[in-house]
Amino acid sequence: MRTSNPFFLTISYKPVDLQPPIPSSHISSDEFNIPDHQKYADQVITAMVNRYKKHPALLGWYLHHGYTNENNYPGGPSLRHGSIGWYDYSEFAKKRFREWLRKRYNDNVSSLQKAWGDPSVTFENAETQRPLPKITELDEAIEWINGPGDTRRQWYDWQLFRLEEKKLSMDHFAKLYKTLDPDHILMISAQPPLFSGFQGYIMTMNYYDFVFSPYIDIVLFHPGVTDDLWENPKRKTIPYNFVRYYETRGKAVFMKWEGDQRLTPSNLEPLKGCAEFARKTGTGIALWEGNITIESGVGIQPEFTDIQIKTVAETYHSMPEGRLKKSSFAIIEHPILGAFDYRAVSGESTTFQFYKGRDVIMLGILLNSAGLEYDVISTNEILKNPNILENYKAVALINIYRMNDKLLKALLDFRDSGGGLFIVGRTGLFDEYGNKNMTYLKKLLNVSDVREEKKSLY
């Protein structure tokens, strides 16, 4: 069930579309949590579920949620599915943001003004925030790369609001499905861990919420099959992280492989690799049956040929089923950081951004390429249950440049009980709002002094 409005609903009420930072641009996608939209969507879902929930052919329900049905906002650093930039700046979102601020600051306008550093801001005039501009000077780029990202408290609050709005909407529809039909599974598209440094724009970094959710039974991922899928270190790391993260936490995974123009029709090896991966991880396999545009742009072709489908089936059934087990080593990821380290460094012909997030991904790729198993733990999971660290001998902290006292305590307790800390980059140099505070790093290293020297050679 798609939760963005179908055409027939647009004639029943005036939809409120997401608004980008450029007023003249426009995309057709509903806001999250519009009362009228939820009212009519609930009616459609209720009628549909009640009609089919006892049908013998029904396996379950697939909740499409978000701009591209992937639990996301539109936007991005470049044009993506017709959208670009940060969302959203509509009057509806502004009204919701102001209500959220009033609740966050306990209806105390003085607390809001102090946090934002603005004596004129109130719960009636607070604005949704605009991103900082691209960086054009090299000295500024060096400072940004080594810094805490966007430190404006207004920006921090707006990002938390955006994330909570999306989750609130998802939970609304997921709960409705499971309330109406608790006897069938509910499935939703999710994102892999370790890549949240790239996901600030579209807000898909809350992969951990699906583990906590009492409504979501199965998470779905649909990567494309390319010629270099299993040779490209980054490409093969993505499905590995996705499956490993959810399966080792008891959440079922459904992998739907999609055709891609970058797959040569006669090349069967990548599809053999998909079947082998499915059996080794015990996740099963499905191929998307549809058509894709031919690379020349003229005409269409099947996503997968009969020979390719046969190859997958034969390979899959020729192997014993494996199972994933937890590792003794984990990479800790701080997902929300992807919303702060977003500014692009623009040169003469290139644009580079998400620098600190790339370090985290590279460690995962290196370990994967070396055949070394690892888990990923989000800081959200640690804050919810610090005992999760007891399952590991060592953890990696890669550019976790912002911390709070609760996270620090959990890490120190882990270290003091014999756990190892592998610390890289700018870890522990700033508090959760981006203020310089080396106390975190000093305590993690158990030293009394940390010195910072600035040396540039470029």
Protein backbone atom coordinates (compact mmCIF):
# COMPACT_ATOMS: atom_id res chain seq x y z
CA MET A 1 0.00 0.00 0.00
CA ARG A 2 1.52 3.27 -1.13
CA THR A 3 1.12 5.98 1.51
CA SER A 4 1.70 8.95 -0.78
CA ASN A 5 -1.62 10.01 -2.27
CA PRO A 6 -2.91 8.30 -5.43
CA PHE A 7 -4.66 10.48 -8.02
CA PHE A 8 -8.18 9.68 -6.89
CA LEU A 9 -7.44 11.10 -3.43
CA THR A 10 -6.19 14.42 -4.78
CA ILE A 11 -9.70 15.26 -5.94
CA SER A 12 -11.08 14.63 -2.45
CA TYR A 13 -8.84 17.06 -0.60
CA LYS A 14 -6.15 19.61 -1.37
CA PRO A 15 -2.81 17.88 -0.75
CA VAL A 16 0.09 19.60 0.95
CA ASP A 17 3.21 18.92 -1.07
CA LEU A 18 6.76 18.88 0.22
CA GLN A 19 8.54 22.13 -0.59
CA PRO A 20 12.24 22.42 -1.48
CA PRO A 21 14.49 25.37 -0.63
CA ILE A 22 13.96 26.84 -4.11
CA PRO A 23 10.42 28.29 -4.02
CA SER A 24 9.89 28.03 -7.78
CA SER A 25 10.58 24.30 -7.87
CA HIS A 26 8.01 21.70 -6.93
CA ILE A 27 7.62 17.96 -6.57
CA SER A 28 4.44 15.96 -6.14
CA SER A 29 4.76 14.22 -2.80
CA ASP A 30 2.70 14.61 0.33
CA GLU A 31 4.00 15.92 3.61
CA PHE A 32 4.34 13.48 6.47
CA ASN A 33 1.47 13.49 9.00
CA ILE A 34 -1.12 15.52 7.12
CA PRO A 35 -4.40 14.84 8.98
CA ASP A 36 -6.55 14.70 5.83
CA HIS A 37 -4.10 12.44 4.04
CA GLN A 38 -3.92 10.05 6.98
CA LYS A 39 -7.70 10.08 7.32
CA TYR A 40 -8.33 9.04 3.70
CA ALA A 41 -5.33 6.69 3.49
CA ASP A 42 -6.53 4.96 6.66
CA GLN A 43 -9.91 4.40 5.05
CA VAL A 44 -8.34 2.86 1.95
CA ILE A 45 -6.00 0.63 3.98
CA THR A 46 -8.81 -0.48 6.30
CA ALA A 47 -11.11 -1.42 3.41
CA MET A 48 -8.33 -3.25 1.58
CA VAL A 49 -7.06 -5.20 4.60
CA ASN A 50 -10.53 -6.22 5.74
CA ARG A 51 -11.37 -7.43 2.25
CA TYR A 52 -8.26 -9.54 1.66
CA LYS A 53 -6.86 -10.55 5.05
CA LYS A 54 -8.58 -13.96 5.00
CA HIS A 55 -7.74 -14.71 1.37
CA PRO A 56 -5.72 -17.93 1.15
CA ALA A 57 -3.28 -16.43 -1.37
CA LEU A 58 -2.29 -13.52 0.87
CA LEU A 59 1.25 -13.69 2.24
CA GLY A 60 1.43 -10.27 3.85
CA TRP A 61 1.53 -6.52 3.33
CA TYR A 62 4.21 -4.24 1.89
CA LEU A 63 4.14 -0.70 3.30
CA HIS A 64 5.43 1.85 0.79
CA HIS A 65 6.42 4.90 2.80
CA GLY A 66 8.27 8.04 1.77
CA TYR A 67 9.14 9.90 -1.39
CA THR A 68 10.43 6.93 -3.41
CA ASN A 69 8.68 4.40 -1.15
CA GLU A 70 11.98 3.86 0.67
CA ASN A 71 11.14 5.53 3.99
CA ASN A 72 12.72 8.78 2.84
CA TYR A 73 12.44 12.47 2.15
CA PRO A 74 13.15 13.73 -1.36
CA GLY A 75 16.33 15.66 -1.99
CA GLY A 76 20.06 15.17 -2.18
CA PRO A 77 23.24 16.98 -3.15
CA SER A 78 22.44 16.38 -6.81
CA LEU A 79 19.25 15.82 -8.81
CA ARG A 80 17.65 12.58 -7.66
CA HIS A 81 14.25 11.35 -8.84
CA GLY A 82 13.37 14.91 -9.76
CA SER A 83 14.39 16.42 -6.43
CA ILE A 84 17.43 18.25 -5.10
CA GLY A 85 18.39 20.01 -1.87
CA TRP A 86 16.79 19.76 1.58
CA TYR A 87 13.12 19.26 2.37
CA ASP A 88 10.89 20.63 3.48
CA TYR A 89 9.98 24.31 3.74
CA SER A 90 6.19 24.37 3.40
CA GLU A 91 3.93 26.30 5.75
CA PHE A 92 2.57 23.00 7.04
CA ALA A 93 6.06 21.79 7.97
CA LYS A 94 6.85 25.14 9.60
CA LYS A 95 3.71 24.90 11.74
CA ARG A 96 4.61 21.33 12.79
CA PHE A 97 8.19 22.37 13.56
CA ARG A 98 7.02 25.18 15.84
CA GLU A 99 4.73 22.77 17.69
CA TRP A 100 7.63 20.36 18.04
CA LEU A 101 9.89 23.10 19.43
CA ARG A 102 7.29 24.10 21.99
CA LYS A 103 7.19 20.52 23.25
CA ARG A 104 10.98 20.06 23.11
CA TYR A 105 11.63 23.18 25.20
CA ASN A 106 8.71 22.57 27.58
CA ASP A 107 6.89 25.68 26.39
CA ASN A 108 9.75 27.79 27.81
CA VAL A 109 10.63 30.45 25.27
CA SER A 110 13.69 31.54 27.30
CA SER A 111 15.16 28.04 26.93
CA LEU A 112 14.58 28.18 23.18
CA GLN A 113 16.19 31.61 22.88
CA LYS A 114 19.21 30.55 24.92
CA ALA A 115 19.72 27.35 22.91
CA TRP A 116 19.38 29.13 19.57
CA GLY A 117 21.38 32.15 20.68
CA ASP A 118 18.60 34.41 19.44
CA PRO A 119 16.65 36.64 21.87
CA SER A 120 14.04 37.40 19.22
CA VAL A 121 12.98 33.84 18.39
CA THR A 122 9.68 32.53 19.75
CA PHE A 123 7.48 29.50 19.23
CA GLU A 124 5.40 31.63 16.89
CA ASN A 125 8.15 32.87 14.55
CA ALA A 126 10.82 30.10 14.53
CA GLU A 127 11.78 29.19 10.96
CA THR A 128 12.72 25.93 9.26
CA GLN A 129 16.43 26.18 8.60
CA ARG A 130 18.46 26.69 5.43
CA PRO A 131 21.73 24.82 4.83
CA LEU A 132 25.12 26.51 4.80
CA PRO A 133 26.57 27.34 1.36
CA LYS A 134 29.13 25.26 -0.49
CA ILE A 135 32.77 25.77 0.36
CA THR A 136 34.98 27.40 -2.24
CA GLU A 137 38.13 28.27 -0.27
CA LEU A 138 40.67 25.55 0.57
CA ASP A 139 41.43 26.87 4.07
CA GLU A 140 37.73 26.77 4.92
CA ALA A 141 37.53 23.26 3.50
CA ILE A 142 40.32 22.06 5.80
CA GLU A 143 38.53 23.56 8.81
CA TRP A 144 35.23 21.98 7.81
CA ILE A 145 36.70 18.53 7.20
CA ASN A 146 38.30 18.54 10.64
CA GLY A 147 35.39 20.23 12.39
CA PRO A 148 32.03 19.17 13.87
CA GLY A 149 29.87 20.02 10.86
CA ASP A 150 27.00 22.48 11.06
CA THR A 151 26.96 23.63 14.70
CA ARG A 152 23.85 25.81 14.55
CA ARG A 153 21.44 24.65 17.25
CA GLN A 154 18.59 25.62 14.94
CA TRP A 155 19.90 23.17 12.37
CA TYR A 156 20.32 20.44 15.01
CA ASP A 157 16.72 20.83 16.13
CA TRP A 158 15.40 20.87 12.58
CA GLN A 159 17.18 17.60 11.74
CA LEU A 160 15.80 15.85 14.82
CA PHE A 161 12.34 17.15 13.91
CA ARG A 162 12.60 15.85 10.34
CA LEU A 163 13.66 12.41 11.54
CA GLU A 164 10.90 12.20 14.14
CA GLU A 165 8.25 13.36 11.66
CA LYS A 166 9.15 10.58 9.26
CA LYS A 167 9.14 7.92 11.97
CA LEU A 168 5.84 9.16 13.38
CA SER A 169 4.23 8.80 9.96
CA MET A 170 5.70 5.34 9.37
CA ASP A 171 4.60 4.09 12.79
CA HIS A 172 1.08 5.36 12.18
CA PHE A 173 0.58 3.27 9.06
CA ALA A 174 2.55 0.26 10.30
CA LYS A 175 0.50 0.10 13.49
CA LEU A 176 -2.72 0.34 11.48
CA TYR A 177 -1.78 -2.64 9.30
CA LYS A 178 -0.82 -4.84 12.25
CA THR A 179 -3.89 -3.83 14.25
CA LEU A 180 -6.19 -4.72 11.36
CA ASP A 181 -4.35 -7.93 10.50
CA PRO A 182 -1.97 -9.30 13.15
CA ASP A 183 -1.85 -12.70 11.43
CA HIS A 184 0.12 -11.66 8.34
CA ILE A 185 3.59 -10.18 8.00
CA LEU A 186 4.28 -6.50 7.33
CA MET A 187 7.26 -5.61 5.18
CA ILE A 188 8.97 -2.26 4.47
CA SER A 189 11.98 -1.03 2.51
CA ALA A 190 14.97 -0.21 4.71
CA GLN A 191 18.51 1.08 4.24
CA PRO A 192 21.81 -0.64 5.07
CA PRO A 193 23.92 0.53 8.01
CA LEU A 194 27.35 2.15 7.68
CA PHE A 195 26.20 4.54 4.94
CA SER A 196 24.31 7.09 7.03
CA GLY A 197 27.05 9.67 6.43
CA PHE A 198 25.48 10.14 3.00
CA GLN A 199 21.85 10.17 4.13
CA GLY A 200 21.32 13.52 5.85
CA TYR A 201 19.27 14.92 3.00
CA ILE A 202 16.83 12.01 2.66
CA MET A 203 16.84 10.97 6.35
CA THR A 204 17.11 7.21 5.82
CA MET A 205 19.66 6.78 8.60
CA ASN A 206 17.20 5.38 11.14
CA TYR A 207 17.70 1.74 10.11
CA TYR A 208 17.81 0.84 13.82
CA ASP A 209 14.12 1.76 14.21
CA PHE A 210 13.10 -1.35 12.26
CA VAL A 211 14.86 -3.51 14.84
CA PHE A 212 12.94 -1.81 17.65
CA SER A 213 9.60 -1.73 15.80
CA PRO A 214 6.89 -4.11 17.08
CA TYR A 215 5.02 -3.71 13.78
CA ILE A 216 7.63 -4.40 11.08
CA ASP A 217 8.26 -8.12 10.53
CA ILE A 218 10.48 -8.11 7.44
CA VAL A 219 12.83 -5.50 5.97
CA LEU A 220 13.25 -5.31 2.22
CA PHE A 221 16.29 -4.31 0.20
CA HIS A 222 16.49 -4.21 -3.59
CA PRO A 223 20.03 -3.69 -4.92
CA GLY A 224 20.81 -3.65 -8.62
CA VAL A 225 22.83 -6.41 -10.27
CA THR A 226 25.81 -5.04 -12.21
CA ASP A 227 28.75 -6.64 -13.97
CA ASP A 228 31.09 -5.64 -11.14
CA LEU A 229 28.72 -6.36 -8.23
CA TRP A 230 30.92 -8.94 -6.51
CA GLU A 231 34.25 -7.51 -7.66
CA ASN A 232 33.57 -3.94 -6.55
CA PRO A 233 34.49 -3.75 -2.83
CA LYS A 234 31.91 -1.07 -2.08
CA ARG A 235 29.04 -2.67 -4.00
CA LYS A 236 29.40 -6.07 -2.34
CA THR A 237 29.75 -4.51 1.12
CA ILE A 238 26.28 -2.93 0.92
CA PRO A 239 24.14 -6.13 0.78
CA TYR A 240 26.51 -7.82 3.25
CA ASN A 241 25.98 -5.08 5.84
CA PHE A 242 22.23 -5.02 5.28
CA VAL A 243 21.70 -8.74 5.72
CA ARG A 244 24.13 -9.11 8.59
CA TYR A 245 22.71 -6.21 10.58
CA TYR A 246 19.11 -7.37 10.56
CA GLU A 247 19.52 -11.14 10.51
CA THR A 248 21.80 -11.17 13.58
CA ARG A 249 19.14 -9.17 15.44
CA GLY A 250 16.32 -11.56 14.61
CA LYS A 251 14.67 -9.39 11.95
CA ALA A 252 13.90 -11.26 8.73
CA VAL A 253 15.36 -9.93 5.47
CA PHE A 254 13.88 -10.10 1.98
CA MET A 255 16.33 -9.42 -0.86
CA LYS A 256 14.84 -8.43 -4.20
CA TRP A 257 17.53 -8.10 -6.85
CA GLU A 258 16.81 -5.68 -9.68
CA GLY A 259 18.04 -5.57 -13.25
CA ASP A 260 20.46 -2.87 -14.26
CA GLN A 261 21.73 -1.46 -17.55
CA ARG A 262 25.23 -2.08 -16.21
CA LEU A 263 24.66 -5.85 -16.36
CA THR A 264 25.61 -7.48 -19.66
CA PRO A 265 22.77 -9.90 -20.58
CA SER A 266 25.24 -12.69 -21.37
CA ASN A 267 27.14 -12.27 -18.09
CA LEU A 268 25.86 -14.90 -15.67
CA GLU A 269 28.56 -14.63 -13.00
CA PRO A 270 27.05 -11.73 -11.00
CA LEU A 271 23.74 -13.59 -10.75
CA LYS A 272 25.52 -16.74 -9.62
CA GLY A 273 27.09 -14.58 -6.94
CA CYS A 274 23.64 -13.37 -5.85
CA ALA A 275 22.40 -16.94 -5.50
CA GLU A 276 25.52 -17.99 -3.59
CA PHE A 277 25.18 -14.97 -1.29
CA ALA A 278 21.54 -15.84 -0.61
CA ARG A 279 22.36 -19.41 0.36
CA LYS A 280 25.41 -18.56 2.47
CA THR A 281 23.48 -15.97 4.45
CA GLY A 282 20.23 -17.95 4.61
CA THR A 283 18.14 -15.06 3.28
CA GLY A 284 16.54 -16.49 0.17
CA ILE A 285 16.34 -14.68 -3.16
CA ALA A 286 13.87 -12.97 -5.47
CA LEU A 287 14.37 -11.36 -8.87
CA TRP A 288 12.37 -8.36 -9.98
CA GLU A 289 10.31 -9.26 -13.03
CA GLY A 290 9.86 -6.19 -15.16
CA ASN A 291 11.48 -4.18 -17.92
CA ILE A 292 14.28 -1.64 -18.00
CA THR A 293 15.29 0.87 -20.64
CA ILE A 294 17.99 -0.32 -23.02
CA GLU A 295 21.31 1.45 -22.43
CA SER A 296 20.99 3.35 -25.70
CA GLY A 297 17.77 4.84 -24.38
CA VAL A 298 15.68 3.42 -27.21
CA GLY A 299 13.34 0.57 -26.33
CA ILE A 300 13.12 -1.74 -23.33
CA GLN A 301 14.44 -5.13 -22.33
CA PRO A 302 13.51 -7.63 -19.58
CA GLU A 303 15.29 -7.04 -16.30
CA PHE A 304 16.48 -10.65 -16.43
CA THR A 305 16.49 -13.14 -19.30
CA ASP A 306 15.21 -16.70 -19.00
CA ILE A 307 18.79 -17.97 -19.02
CA GLN A 308 19.76 -15.63 -16.18
CA ILE A 309 16.74 -16.69 -14.12
CA LYS A 310 17.52 -20.37 -14.73
CA THR A 311 21.13 -19.82 -13.69
CA VAL A 312 20.05 -18.25 -10.41
CA ALA A 313 17.65 -21.10 -9.64
CA GLU A 314 20.18 -23.84 -10.45
CA THR A 315 22.94 -22.18 -8.43
CA TYR A 316 20.65 -21.55 -5.48
CA HIS A 317 19.44 -25.14 -5.27
CA SER A 318 22.92 -26.61 -5.71
CA MET A 319 24.23 -25.16 -2.42
CA PRO A 320 23.53 -25.92 1.24
CA GLU A 321 21.97 -23.17 3.32
CA GLY A 322 24.24 -21.24 5.66
CA ARG A 323 23.62 -18.94 8.57
CA LEU A 324 25.13 -15.72 9.83
CA LYS A 325 26.54 -15.48 13.33
CA LYS A 326 27.47 -12.45 15.38
CA SER A 327 31.07 -11.31 15.20
CA SER A 328 33.26 -10.46 18.18
CA PHE A 329 34.18 -7.12 16.57
CA ALA A 330 31.85 -4.25 15.68
CA ILE A 331 31.96 -0.84 14.03
CA ILE A 332 29.94 1.75 15.94
CA GLU A 333 28.04 4.19 13.76
CA HIS A 334 26.48 7.48 14.89
CA PRO A 335 23.72 7.79 12.25
CA ILE A 336 22.50 11.36 12.85
CA LEU A 337 25.96 12.76 12.07
CA GLY A 338 25.10 12.44 8.40
CA ALA A 339 22.80 15.44 8.83
CA PHE A 340 25.61 17.76 10.00
CA ASP A 341 28.62 16.98 7.79
CA TYR A 342 26.99 17.85 4.46
CA ARG A 343 28.77 20.86 2.94
CA ALA A 344 30.38 20.26 -0.41
CA VAL A 345 33.94 21.31 -1.15
CA SER A 346 33.83 22.62 -4.71
CA GLY A 347 36.96 22.85 -6.81
CA GLU A 348 37.53 23.72 -10.46
CA SER A 349 35.82 20.61 -11.79
CA THR A 350 35.01 18.40 -8.79
CA THR A 351 32.76 18.43 -5.76
CA PHE A 352 33.63 16.46 -2.65
CA GLN A 353 31.59 16.02 0.52
CA PHE A 354 30.72 13.60 3.33
CA TYR A 355 34.42 13.27 4.10
CA LYS A 356 34.17 11.86 7.63
CA GLY A 357 31.47 9.38 6.65
CA ARG A 358 33.72 7.91 3.98
CA ASP A 359 36.25 6.81 6.58
CA VAL A 360 33.64 4.64 8.29
CA ILE A 361 32.65 3.00 5.02
CA MET A 362 36.28 2.37 4.06
CA LEU A 363 36.96 0.41 7.23
CA GLY A 364 33.97 -1.81 6.48
CA ILE A 365 35.15 -2.29 2.90
CA LEU A 366 38.69 -3.15 4.02
CA LEU A 367 37.46 -5.72 6.54
CA ASN A 368 35.06 -7.20 4.03
CA SER A 369 37.75 -7.42 1.35
CA ALA A 370 40.06 -9.19 3.82
CA GLY A 371 37.35 -11.73 4.64
CA LEU A 372 37.04 -10.50 8.24
CA GLU A 373 33.57 -10.48 9.72
CA TYR A 374 32.23 -7.51 11.67
CA ASP A 375 28.94 -6.20 12.98
CA VAL A 376 27.59 -2.66 12.96
CA ILE A 377 26.05 -1.10 16.07
CA SER A 378 24.27 2.24 16.01
CA THR A 379 24.78 4.66 18.88
CA ASN A 380 20.98 4.67 19.21
CA GLU A 381 21.08 1.00 20.15
CA ILE A 382 23.83 1.62 22.69
CA LEU A 383 21.91 4.46 24.32
CA LYS A 384 18.82 2.26 24.48
CA ASN A 385 20.68 -0.79 25.78
CA PRO A 386 24.36 -0.31 26.78
CA ASN A 387 24.62 -4.05 27.51
CA ILE A 388 24.65 -4.71 23.77
CA LEU A 389 28.41 -4.05 23.90
CA GLU A 390 28.95 -7.06 26.16
CA ASN A 391 28.73 -9.31 23.10
CA TYR A 392 31.98 -7.93 21.65
CA LYS A 393 35.69 -8.07 22.36
CA ALA A 394 36.41 -4.77 20.61
CA VAL A 395 34.63 -1.95 18.80
CA ALA A 396 35.76 0.67 16.29
CA LEU A 397 34.97 4.37 16.75
CA ILE A 398 35.59 5.97 13.37
CA ASN A 399 35.07 9.75 13.26
CA ILE A 400 32.37 9.76 15.91
CA TYR A 401 33.19 13.41 16.33
CA ARG A 402 30.13 14.27 18.43
CA MET A 403 29.32 12.53 21.71
CA ASN A 404 27.22 12.93 24.82
CA ASP A 405 27.86 11.82 28.38
CA LYS A 406 25.57 8.79 28.23
CA LEU A 407 27.34 7.36 25.19
CA LEU A 408 30.72 8.08 26.78
CA LYS A 409 29.76 6.22 29.95
CA ALA A 410 28.67 3.15 28.00
CA LEU A 411 31.98 3.10 26.11
CA LEU A 412 34.03 3.59 29.28
CA ASP A 413 32.17 0.78 31.05
CA PHE A 414 32.88 -1.46 28.07
CA ARG A 415 36.58 -0.53 28.08
CA ASP A 416 36.92 -0.96 31.85
CA SER A 417 35.39 -4.42 31.64
CA GLY A 418 38.09 -5.53 29.20
CA GLY A 419 36.72 -4.38 25.86
CA GLY A 420 39.00 -2.85 23.23
CA LEU A 421 38.49 0.55 21.62
CA PHE A 422 39.84 1.16 18.11
CA ILE A 423 39.71 4.96 17.73
CA VAL A 424 40.21 6.77 14.43
CA GLY A 425 39.86 10.34 13.16
CA ARG A 426 38.07 13.11 15.03
CA THR A 427 36.37 10.82 17.52
CA GLY A 428 35.48 12.42 20.84
CA LEU A 429 36.47 16.02 20.10
CA PHE A 430 33.04 17.68 20.31
CA ASP A 431 29.86 17.42 22.36
CA GLU A 432 26.56 16.44 20.78
CA TYR A 433 25.90 20.01 19.62
CA GLY A 434 29.33 20.45 18.05
CA ASN A 435 31.05 22.44 20.79
CA LYS A 436 34.77 21.68 21.20
CA ASN A 437 35.26 19.37 24.18
CA MET A 438 38.29 17.07 24.25
CA THR A 439 37.20 15.57 27.55
CA TYR A 440 35.51 12.75 25.66
CA LEU A 441 38.68 11.72 23.86
CA LYS A 442 40.82 12.08 26.99
CA LYS A 443 38.55 9.76 28.93
CA LEU A 444 38.32 7.25 26.09
CA LEU A 445 42.13 7.11 25.89
CA ASN A 446 42.50 7.36 29.68
CA VAL A 447 45.02 10.19 29.36
CA SER A 448 45.25 13.60 31.01
CA ASP A 449 46.22 15.62 27.96
CA VAL A 450 45.40 15.68 24.26
CA ARG A 451 47.17 18.14 22.00
CA GLU A 452 46.02 19.30 18.61
CA GLU A 453 48.48 20.65 16.03
CA LYS A 454 47.44 22.13 12.73
CA LYS A 455 49.73 21.27 9.85
CA SER A 456 48.69 21.71 6.25
CA LEU A 457 50.58 20.62 3.17
CA TYR A 458 48.72 21.16 -0.10
